[in-house]
């Protein structure tokens, strides 16, 4: 039985969804306002983001142009 991670970092999100750092930053700006009342879902600690696994689908590419 595989155990899933609870929190991901920005580097792990970039690797998981194959998106650029700039895309991650823009998505974090959108999600920061949406989840500001719930720090357990999205928080920044010591210049590192902690992203809960329940919101990782927000980082999936909106367009899939890569072949």
C-alpha atoms as a PDB file:
ATOM      1  CA  UNK A   1       0.000   0.000   0.000  1.00  0.00           C
ATOM      2  CA  UNK A   2       1.496   3.297  -1.123  1.00  0.00           C
ATOM      3  CA  UNK A   3       1.399   6.173   1.308  1.00  0.00           C
ATOM      4  CA  UNK A   4       0.675   9.570  -0.241  1.00  0.00           C
ATOM      5  CA  UNK A   5       2.318  12.769   0.878  1.00  0.00           C
ATOM      6  CA  UNK A   6       0.211  15.251   2.799  1.00  0.00           C
ATOM      7  CA  UNK A   7       2.093  18.405   1.797  1.00  0.00           C
ATOM      8  CA  UNK A   8       4.050  19.253  -1.331  1.00  0.00           C
ATOM      9  CA  UNK A   9       6.622  21.950  -2.012  1.00  0.00           C
ATOM     10  CA  UNK A  10       6.689  24.137  -5.110  1.00  0.00           C
ATOM     11  CA  UNK A  11       9.556  22.114  -6.607  1.00  0.00           C
ATOM     12  CA  UNK A  12       7.567  18.902  -6.196  1.00  0.00           C
ATOM     13  CA  UNK A  13       4.499  20.496  -7.802  1.00  0.00           C
ATOM     14  CA  UNK A  14       6.625  21.664 -10.755  1.00  0.00           C
ATOM     15  CA  UNK A  15       7.980  18.156 -11.238  1.00  0.00           C
ATOM     16  CA  UNK A  16       4.619  16.453 -10.730  1.00  0.00           C
ATOM     17  CA  UNK A  17       2.706  18.537 -13.280  1.00  0.00           C
ATOM     18  CA  UNK A  18       5.624  19.527 -15.541  1.00  0.00           C
ATOM     19  CA  UNK A  19       4.957  23.261 -15.273  1.00  0.00           C
ATOM     20  CA  UNK A  20       7.320  26.212 -14.964  1.00  0.00           C
ATOM     21  CA  UNK A  21       8.185  28.155 -11.834  1.00  0.00           C
ATOM     22  CA  UNK A  22       6.405  31.205 -13.187  1.00  0.00           C
ATOM     23  CA  UNK A  23       3.178  29.228 -13.644  1.00  0.00           C
ATOM     24  CA  UNK A  24       3.410  27.956 -10.073  1.00  0.00           C
ATOM     25  CA  UNK A  25       3.843  31.507  -8.795  1.00  0.00           C
ATOM     26  CA  UNK A  26       0.763  32.749 -10.662  1.00  0.00           C
ATOM     27  CA  UNK A  27      -1.348  29.851  -9.427  1.00  0.00           C
ATOM     28  CA  UNK A  28      -0.150  30.466  -5.861  1.00  0.00           C
ATOM     29  CA  UNK A  29      -1.251  34.100  -6.128  1.00  0.00           C
ATOM     30  CA  UNK A  30      -4.741  32.980  -7.139  1.00  0.00           C
ATOM     31  CA  UNK A  31      -4.963  30.304  -4.464  1.00  0.00           C
ATOM     32  CA  UNK A  32      -3.510  32.466  -1.689  1.00  0.00           C
ATOM     33  CA  UNK A  33      -6.611  34.676  -1.669  1.00  0.00           C
ATOM     34  CA  UNK A  34      -8.966  31.735  -1.997  1.00  0.00           C
ATOM     35  CA  UNK A  35      -7.519  29.790   0.961  1.00  0.00           C
ATOM     36  CA  UNK A  36      -6.316  32.597   3.244  1.00  0.00           C
ATOM     37  CA  UNK A  37      -8.747  31.569   6.007  1.00  0.00           C
ATOM     38  CA  UNK A  38      -7.438  27.977   5.900  1.00  0.00           C
ATOM     39  CA  UNK A  39      -3.693  27.998   6.627  1.00  0.00           C
ATOM     40  CA  UNK A  40      -3.645  24.213   6.923  1.00  0.00           C
ATOM     41  CA  UNK A  41      -4.354  23.957   3.171  1.00  0.00           C
ATOM     42  CA  UNK A  42      -1.876  26.544   1.864  1.00  0.00           C
ATOM     43  CA  UNK A  43       0.784  28.239   3.953  1.00  0.00           C
ATOM     44  CA  UNK A  44       4.211  29.778   3.605  1.00  0.00           C
ATOM     45  CA  UNK A  45       6.857  28.983   6.178  1.00  0.00           C
ATOM     46  CA  UNK A  46      10.471  30.217   5.981  1.00  0.00           C
ATOM     47  CA  UNK A  47      10.087  31.273   2.323  1.00  0.00           C
ATOM     48  CA  UNK A  48       8.766  27.793   1.381  1.00  0.00           C
ATOM     49  CA  UNK A  49       5.206  26.986   0.443  1.00  0.00           C
ATOM     50  CA  UNK A  50       3.352  24.020   1.921  1.00  0.00           C
ATOM     51  CA  UNK A  51       0.633  22.894  -0.465  1.00  0.00           C
ATOM     52  CA  UNK A  52      -1.893  20.337   0.771  1.00  0.00           C
ATOM     53  CA  UNK A  53      -2.573  17.369  -1.491  1.00  0.00           C
ATOM     54  CA  UNK A  54      -6.287  18.223  -1.702  1.00  0.00           C
ATOM     55  CA  UNK A  55      -5.602  21.344  -3.821  1.00  0.00           C
ATOM     56  CA  UNK A  56      -2.885  20.013  -6.119  1.00  0.00           C
ATOM     57  CA  UNK A  57      -5.370  19.618  -8.976  1.00  0.00           C
ATOM     58  CA  UNK A  58      -5.409  23.440  -9.263  1.00  0.00           C
ATOM     59  CA  UNK A  59      -1.857  23.231 -10.594  1.00  0.00           C
ATOM     60  CA  UNK A  60      -2.636  20.961 -13.535  1.00  0.00           C
ATOM     61  CA  UNK A  61      -1.930  22.590 -16.929  1.00  0.00           C
ATOM     62  CA  UNK A  62      -4.855  24.514 -18.353  1.00  0.00           C
ATOM     63  CA  UNK A  63      -3.676  23.828 -21.911  1.00  0.00           C
ATOM     64  CA  UNK A  64      -1.807  20.756 -23.024  1.00  0.00           C
ATOM     65  CA  UNK A  65       0.322  21.873 -25.985  1.00  0.00           C
ATOM     66  CA  UNK A  66       3.194  19.462 -25.419  1.00  0.00           C
ATOM     67  CA  UNK A  67       3.262  16.487 -27.747  1.00  0.00           C
END
